[in-house]
Amino acid sequence: MNELQVFQYQGREFRATKQDEQPWFIASDVCRALEISDTATALQRLDEDEKGYGFNPYPWRSSAPIDSQ
């Protein structure tokens, strides 16, 4: 897994990393862009293989979910 990368798209900031050459986006960034206030509920709709917890951009928290594609 690569380190966290930050990029801009249409005036919004997104953080992502790569796992197996695939981008994995920070769920809270995607939800903020889509104006979804409850990230945890949004993640419940993803299949297990679409979620990952391998990278924690918030080391002071126990886990911060990330999602792929």
Protein backbone atom coordinates (compact mmCIF):
# COMPACT_ATOMS: atom_id res chain seq x y z
CA MET A 1 0.00 0.00 0.00
CA ASN A 2 1.31 3.44 -0.90
CA GLU A 3 1.21 6.52 1.23
CA LEU A 4 -1.71 8.91 1.24
CA GLN A 5 -2.01 11.25 -1.75
CA VAL A 6 -4.06 14.43 -1.80
CA PHE A 7 -5.52 15.83 -5.01
CA GLN A 8 -8.05 18.41 -6.14
CA TYR A 9 -11.06 17.76 -8.34
CA GLN A 10 -13.63 20.42 -9.18
CA GLY A 11 -12.56 22.54 -6.24
CA ARG A 12 -12.71 19.70 -3.70
CA GLU A 13 -9.88 17.95 -1.94
CA PHE A 14 -9.75 14.16 -1.97
CA ARG A 15 -7.34 11.82 -0.24
CA ALA A 16 -6.51 8.43 -1.68
CA THR A 17 -3.98 5.65 -1.57
CA LYS A 18 -3.32 2.64 -3.79
CA GLN A 19 -3.82 -0.99 -2.94
CA ASP A 20 -3.01 -3.59 -5.60
CA GLU A 21 -2.66 -0.73 -8.11
CA GLN A 22 -6.27 0.36 -7.46
CA PRO A 23 -7.23 3.73 -5.93
CA TRP A 24 -8.83 3.65 -2.49
CA PHE A 25 -10.53 6.90 -1.50
CA ILE A 26 -11.14 8.17 2.01
CA ALA A 27 -14.86 7.65 2.57
CA SER A 28 -15.39 10.88 4.49
CA ASP A 29 -13.98 12.91 1.58
CA VAL A 30 -16.29 11.22 -0.92
CA CYS A 31 -19.31 11.56 1.36
CA ARG A 32 -18.56 15.24 1.95
CA ALA A 33 -18.44 15.84 -1.83
CA LEU A 34 -21.76 14.02 -2.25
CA GLU A 35 -23.25 15.87 0.75
CA ILE A 36 -23.79 12.63 2.68
CA SER A 37 -23.56 13.43 6.37
CA ASP A 38 -23.42 9.88 7.78
CA THR A 39 -20.34 8.14 6.41
CA ALA A 40 -20.84 4.99 8.51
CA THR A 41 -24.32 4.41 7.10
CA ALA A 42 -23.07 5.05 3.56
CA LEU A 43 -20.34 2.44 4.03
CA GLN A 44 -22.90 -0.18 5.06
CA ARG A 45 -24.12 -0.21 1.45
CA LEU A 46 -20.71 -1.32 0.14
CA ASP A 47 -19.73 -4.95 -0.34
CA GLU A 48 -16.99 -6.21 1.97
CA ASP A 49 -14.45 -6.25 -0.87
CA GLU A 50 -15.21 -2.57 -1.50
CA LYS A 51 -14.17 -1.56 2.02
CA GLY A 52 -10.79 -1.52 3.62
CA TYR A 53 -9.20 -0.53 6.88
CA GLY A 54 -5.56 -0.96 5.93
CA PHE A 55 -4.65 2.72 5.97
CA ASN A 56 -5.48 5.00 8.85
CA PRO A 57 -5.04 8.71 8.05
CA TYR A 58 -6.21 9.47 11.60
CA PRO A 59 -3.75 7.69 13.92
CA TRP A 60 -5.47 9.12 17.00
CA ARG A 61 -8.63 7.14 16.09
CA SER A 62 -8.91 3.37 16.36
CA SER A 63 -9.92 3.03 12.70
CA ALA A 64 -10.98 5.28 9.86
CA PRO A 65 -12.69 3.44 7.02
CA ILE A 66 -11.67 3.91 3.45
CA ASP A 67 -13.48 2.79 0.37
CA SER A 68 -12.37 1.83 -3.09
CA GLN A 69 -13.23 3.23 -6.51
